[in-house]
Amino acid sequence: MKRPIQRLVALMLLTAFSSVTLTACNTMAGAGKDVQKAGEKVEQKAEDCKDAKC
């Protein structure tokens, strides 16, 4: 009787770990896109200042 419960607990832990890991990947991908957009804005502003538009 103990074995099926241990299997269930292991499966639940694996599911929880997987969902947390996948969520973190999506979050990091979103954060990377945000940082990239911010970098593009800074780069554009630097180009504007280089051309004496600031």
PDB file of N, CA and C in Angstrom:
ATOM      1  N   MET A   1       0.815  -1.201   0.000  1.00  0.00           N
ATOM      2  CA  MET A   1       0.000   0.000   0.000  1.00  0.00           C
ATOM      3  C   MET A   1       0.859   1.265   0.000  1.00  0.00           C
ATOM      4  N   LYS A   2       2.055   1.187   0.575  1.00  0.00           N
ATOM      5  CA  LYS A   2       2.908   2.355   0.650  1.00  0.00           C
ATOM      6  C   LYS A   2       3.407   2.797  -0.723  1.00  0.00           C
ATOM      7  N   ARG A   3       3.699   1.861  -1.563  1.00  0.00           N
ATOM      8  CA  ARG A   3       4.319   2.156  -2.858  1.00  0.00           C
ATOM      9  C   ARG A   3       3.479   3.084  -3.743  1.00  0.00           C
ATOM     10  N   PRO A   4       2.183   2.866  -3.909  1.00  0.00           N
ATOM     11  CA  PRO A   4       1.401   3.782  -4.758  1.00  0.00           C
ATOM     12  C   PRO A   4       1.382   5.213  -4.201  1.00  0.00           C
ATOM     13  N   ILE A   5       1.389   5.364  -2.894  1.00  0.00           N
ATOM     14  CA  ILE A   5       1.385   6.705  -2.313  1.00  0.00           C
ATOM     15  C   ILE A   5       2.711   7.404  -2.592  1.00  0.00           C
ATOM     16  N   GLN A   6       3.809   6.674  -2.485  1.00  0.00           N
ATOM     17  CA  GLN A   6       5.115   7.255  -2.784  1.00  0.00           C
ATOM     18  C   GLN A   6       5.196   7.663  -4.255  1.00  0.00           C
ATOM     19  N   ARG A   7       4.637   6.853  -5.106  1.00  0.00           N
ATOM     20  CA  ARG A   7       4.613   7.179  -6.535  1.00  0.00           C
ATOM     21  C   ARG A   7       3.800   8.434  -6.799  1.00  0.00           C
ATOM     22  N   LEU A   8       2.661   8.539  -6.134  1.00  0.00           N
ATOM     23  CA  LEU A   8       1.796   9.702  -6.296  1.00  0.00           C
ATOM     24  C   LEU A   8       2.505  10.969  -5.816  1.00  0.00           C
ATOM     25  N   VAL A   9       3.146  10.890  -4.678  1.00  0.00           N
ATOM     26  CA  VAL A   9       3.867  12.047  -4.144  1.00  0.00           C
ATOM     27  C   VAL A   9       4.996  12.446  -5.088  1.00  0.00           C
ATOM     28  N   ALA A  10       5.734  11.473  -5.596  1.00  0.00           N
ATOM     29  CA  ALA A  10       6.823  11.757  -6.535  1.00  0.00           C
ATOM     30  C   ALA A  10       6.288  12.409  -7.805  1.00  0.00           C
ATOM     31  N   LEU A  11       5.182  11.924  -8.315  1.00  0.00           N
ATOM     32  CA  LEU A  11       4.572  12.497  -9.510  1.00  0.00           C
ATOM     33  C   LEU A  11       4.103  13.930  -9.260  1.00  0.00           C
ATOM     34  N   MET A  12       3.524  14.160  -8.097  1.00  0.00           N
ATOM     35  CA  MET A  12       3.066  15.512  -7.758  1.00  0.00           C
ATOM     36  C   MET A  12       4.249  16.477  -7.642  1.00  0.00           C
ATOM     37  N   LEU A  13       5.330  16.031  -7.023  1.00  0.00           N
ATOM     38  CA  LEU A  13       6.518  16.881  -6.907  1.00  0.00           C
ATOM     39  C   LEU A  13       7.125  17.176  -8.273  1.00  0.00           C
ATOM     40  N   LEU A  14       7.174  16.178  -9.120  1.00  0.00           N
ATOM     41  CA  LEU A  14       7.695  16.367 -10.471  1.00  0.00           C
ATOM     42  C   LEU A  14       6.841  17.359 -11.257  1.00  0.00           C
ATOM     43  N   THR A  15       5.539  17.249 -11.131  1.00  0.00           N
ATOM     44  CA  THR A  15       4.622  18.162 -11.807  1.00  0.00           C
ATOM     45  C   THR A  15       4.809  19.585 -11.306  1.00  0.00           C
ATOM     46  N   ALA A  16       4.908  19.752  -9.997  1.00  0.00           N
ATOM     47  CA  ALA A  16       5.098  21.083  -9.419  1.00  0.00           C
ATOM     48  C   ALA A  16       6.420  21.689  -9.880  1.00  0.00           C
ATOM     49  N   PHE A  17       7.488  20.906  -9.838  1.00  0.00           N
ATOM     50  CA  PHE A  17       8.798  21.393 -10.271  1.00  0.00           C
ATOM     51  C   PHE A  17       8.778  21.781 -11.745  1.00  0.00           C
ATOM     52  N   SER A  18       8.144  20.966 -12.577  1.00  0.00           N
ATOM     53  CA  SER A  18       8.071  21.246 -14.013  1.00  0.00           C
ATOM     54  C   SER A  18       7.315  22.533 -14.294  1.00  0.00           C
ATOM     55  N   SER A  19       6.202  22.724 -13.614  1.00  0.00           N
ATOM     56  CA  SER A  19       5.407  23.927 -13.857  1.00  0.00           C
ATOM     57  C   SER A  19       6.154  25.175 -13.418  1.00  0.00           C
ATOM     58  N   VAL A  20       6.874  25.102 -12.309  1.00  0.00           N
ATOM     59  CA  VAL A  20       7.666  26.244 -11.846  1.00  0.00           C
ATOM     60  C   VAL A  20       8.786  26.537 -12.835  1.00  0.00           C
ATOM     61  N   THR A  21       9.439  25.516 -13.322  1.00  0.00           N
ATOM     62  CA  THR A  21      10.535  25.690 -14.271  1.00  0.00           C
ATOM     63  C   THR A  21      10.037  26.307 -15.576  1.00  0.00           C
ATOM     64  N   LEU A  22       8.936  25.820 -16.085  1.00  0.00           N
ATOM     65  CA  LEU A  22       8.410  26.357 -17.342  1.00  0.00           C
ATOM     66  C   LEU A  22       7.945  27.794 -17.175  1.00  0.00           C
ATOM     67  N   THR A  23       7.366  28.109 -16.055  1.00  0.00           N
ATOM     68  CA  THR A  23       6.933  29.481 -15.793  1.00  0.00           C
ATOM     69  C   THR A  23       8.140  30.400 -15.728  1.00  0.00           C
ATOM     70  N   ALA A  24       9.192  29.958 -15.085  1.00  0.00           N
ATOM     71  CA  ALA A  24      10.400  30.768 -14.983  1.00  0.00           C
ATOM     72  C   ALA A  24      10.996  31.024 -16.362  1.00  0.00           C
ATOM     73  N   CYS A  25      10.962  30.036 -17.236  1.00  0.00           N
ATOM     74  CA  CYS A  25      11.496  30.218 -18.590  1.00  0.00           C
ATOM     75  C   CYS A  25      10.709  31.290 -19.325  1.00  0.00           C
ATOM     76  N   ASN A  26       9.400  31.257 -19.224  1.00  0.00           N
ATOM     77  CA  ASN A  26       8.577  32.268 -19.879  1.00  0.00           C
ATOM     78  C   ASN A  26       8.846  33.639 -19.289  1.00  0.00           C
ATOM     79  N   THR A  27       9.021  33.706 -17.988  1.00  0.00           N
ATOM     80  CA  THR A  27       9.282  34.979 -17.340  1.00  0.00           C
ATOM     81  C   THR A  27      10.624  35.541 -17.796  1.00  0.00           C
ATOM     82  N   MET A  28      11.631  34.694 -17.865  1.00  0.00           N
ATOM     83  CA  MET A  28      12.956  35.150 -18.295  1.00  0.00           C
ATOM     84  C   MET A  28      12.935  35.587 -19.757  1.00  0.00           C
ATOM     85  N   ALA A  29      12.176  34.898 -20.572  1.00  0.00           N
ATOM     86  CA  ALA A  29      12.076  35.294 -21.982  1.00  0.00           C
ATOM     87  C   ALA A  29      11.418  36.665 -22.091  1.00  0.00           C
ATOM     88  N   GLY A  30      10.390  36.889 -21.314  1.00  0.00           N
ATOM     89  CA  GLY A  30       9.720  38.195 -21.299  1.00  0.00           C
ATOM     90  C   GLY A  30      10.636  39.288 -20.779  1.00  0.00           C
ATOM     91  N   ALA A  31      11.386  38.986 -19.738  1.00  0.00           N
ATOM     92  CA  ALA A  31      12.319  39.966 -19.183  1.00  0.00           C
ATOM     93  C   ALA A  31      13.408  40.290 -20.205  1.00  0.00           C
ATOM     94  N   GLY A  32      13.866  39.281 -20.916  1.00  0.00           N
ATOM     95  CA  GLY A  32      14.876  39.506 -21.952  1.00  0.00           C
ATOM     96  C   GLY A  32      14.360  40.426 -23.046  1.00  0.00           C
ATOM     97  N   LYS A  33      13.125  40.255 -23.430  1.00  0.00           N
ATOM     98  CA  LYS A  33      12.533  41.126 -24.449  1.00  0.00           C
ATOM     99  C   LYS A  33      12.416  42.555 -23.939  1.00  0.00           C
ATOM    100  N   ASP A  34      12.040  42.710 -22.666  1.00  0.00           N
ATOM    101  CA  ASP A  34      11.934  44.044 -22.084  1.00  0.00           C
ATOM    102  C   ASP A  34      13.292  44.740 -22.045  1.00  0.00           C
ATOM    103  N   VAL A  35      14.318  44.011 -21.653  1.00  0.00           N
ATOM    104  CA  VAL A  35      15.670  44.577 -21.606  1.00  0.00           C
ATOM    105  C   VAL A  35      16.127  44.948 -23.016  1.00  0.00           C
ATOM    106  N   GLN A  36      15.798  44.107 -23.972  1.00  0.00           N
ATOM    107  CA  GLN A  36      16.183  44.396 -25.356  1.00  0.00           C
ATOM    108  C   GLN A  36      15.510  45.678 -25.840  1.00  0.00           C
ATOM    109  N   LYS A  37      14.231  45.854 -25.544  1.00  0.00           N
ATOM    110  CA  LYS A  37      13.506  47.068 -25.954  1.00  0.00           C
ATOM    111  C   LYS A  37      14.125  48.299 -25.304  1.00  0.00           C
ATOM    112  N   ALA A  38      14.452  48.182 -24.011  1.00  0.00           N
ATOM    113  CA  ALA A  38      15.068  49.313 -23.310  1.00  0.00           C
ATOM    114  C   ALA A  38      16.416  49.646 -23.944  1.00  0.00           C
ATOM    115  N   GLY A  39      17.186  48.633 -24.293  1.00  0.00           N
ATOM    116  CA  GLY A  39      18.480  48.854 -24.947  1.00  0.00           C
ATOM    117  C   GLY A  39      18.319  49.552 -26.281  1.00  0.00           C
ATOM    118  N   GLU A  40      17.292  49.194 -27.017  1.00  0.00           N
ATOM    119  CA  GLU A  40      17.039  49.845 -28.301  1.00  0.00           C
ATOM    120  C   GLU A  40      16.708  51.319 -28.106  1.00  0.00           C
ATOM    121  N   LYS A  41      15.945  51.634 -27.076  1.00  0.00           N
ATOM    122  CA  LYS A  41      15.596  53.036 -26.789  1.00  0.00           C
ATOM    123  C   LYS A  41      16.846  53.832 -26.420  1.00  0.00           C
ATOM    124  N   VAL A  42      17.707  53.245 -25.585  1.00  0.00           N
ATOM    125  CA  VAL A  42      18.947  53.920 -25.187  1.00  0.00           C
ATOM    126  C   VAL A  42      19.833  54.134 -26.408  1.00  0.00           C
ATOM    127  N   GLU A  43      19.911  53.129 -27.252  1.00  0.00           N
ATOM    128  CA  GLU A  43      20.724  53.241 -28.459  1.00  0.00           C
ATOM    129  C   GLU A  43      20.189  54.342 -29.368  1.00  0.00           C
ATOM    130  N   GLN A  44      18.879  54.417 -29.508  1.00  0.00           N
ATOM    131  CA  GLN A  44      18.268  55.454 -30.350  1.00  0.00           C
ATOM    132  C   GLN A  44      18.555  56.840 -29.786  1.00  0.00           C
ATOM    133  N   LYS A  45      18.440  56.987 -28.484  1.00  0.00           N
ATOM    134  CA  LYS A  45      18.719  58.279 -27.847  1.00  0.00           C
ATOM    135  C   LYS A  45      20.180  58.662 -28.026  1.00  0.00           C
ATOM    136  N   ALA A  46      21.084  57.701 -27.922  1.00  0.00           N
ATOM    137  CA  ALA A  46      22.503  57.971 -28.124  1.00  0.00           C
ATOM    138  C   ALA A  46      22.766  58.433 -29.554  1.00  0.00           C
ATOM    139  N   GLU A  47      22.101  57.821 -30.499  1.00  0.00           N
ATOM    140  CA  GLU A  47      22.242  58.238 -31.905  1.00  0.00           C
ATOM    141  C   GLU A  47      21.717  59.661 -32.092  1.00  0.00           C
ATOM    142  N   ASP A  48      20.581  59.974 -31.455  1.00  0.00           N
ATOM    143  CA  ASP A  48      20.018  61.320 -31.543  1.00  0.00           C
ATOM    144  C   ASP A  48      20.979  62.336 -30.963  1.00  0.00           C
ATOM    145  N   CYS A  49      21.585  62.037 -29.826  1.00  0.00           N
ATOM    146  CA  CYS A  49      22.522  62.965 -29.192  1.00  0.00           C
ATOM    147  C   CYS A  49      23.795  63.112 -30.023  1.00  0.00           C
ATOM    148  N   LYS A  50      24.190  62.038 -30.659  1.00  0.00           N
ATOM    149  CA  LYS A  50      25.384  62.093 -31.510  1.00  0.00           C
ATOM    150  C   LYS A  50      25.149  63.035 -32.686  1.00  0.00           C
ATOM    151  N   ASP A  51      23.904  63.074 -33.159  1.00  0.00           N
ATOM    152  CA  ASP A  51      23.545  63.941 -34.265  1.00  0.00           C
ATOM    153  C   ASP A  51      23.145  65.334 -33.778  1.00  0.00           C
ATOM    154  N   ALA A  52      23.381  65.631 -32.489  1.00  0.00           N
ATOM    155  CA  ALA A  52      23.091  66.934 -31.866  1.00  0.00           C
ATOM    156  C   ALA A  52      21.595  67.266 -31.862  1.00  0.00           C
ATOM    157  N   LYS A  53      20.770  66.282 -31.606  1.00  0.00           N
ATOM    158  CA  LYS A  53      19.329  66.493 -31.521  1.00  0.00           C
ATOM    159  C   LYS A  53      18.823  66.463 -30.084  1.00  0.00           C
ATOM    160  N   CYS A  54      19.724  66.355 -29.106  1.00  0.00           N
ATOM    161  CA  CYS A  54      19.236  66.235 -27.720  1.00  0.00           C
ATOM    162  C   CYS A  54      19.242  67.571 -27.007  1.00  0.00           C
TER     163      CYS A  54
END
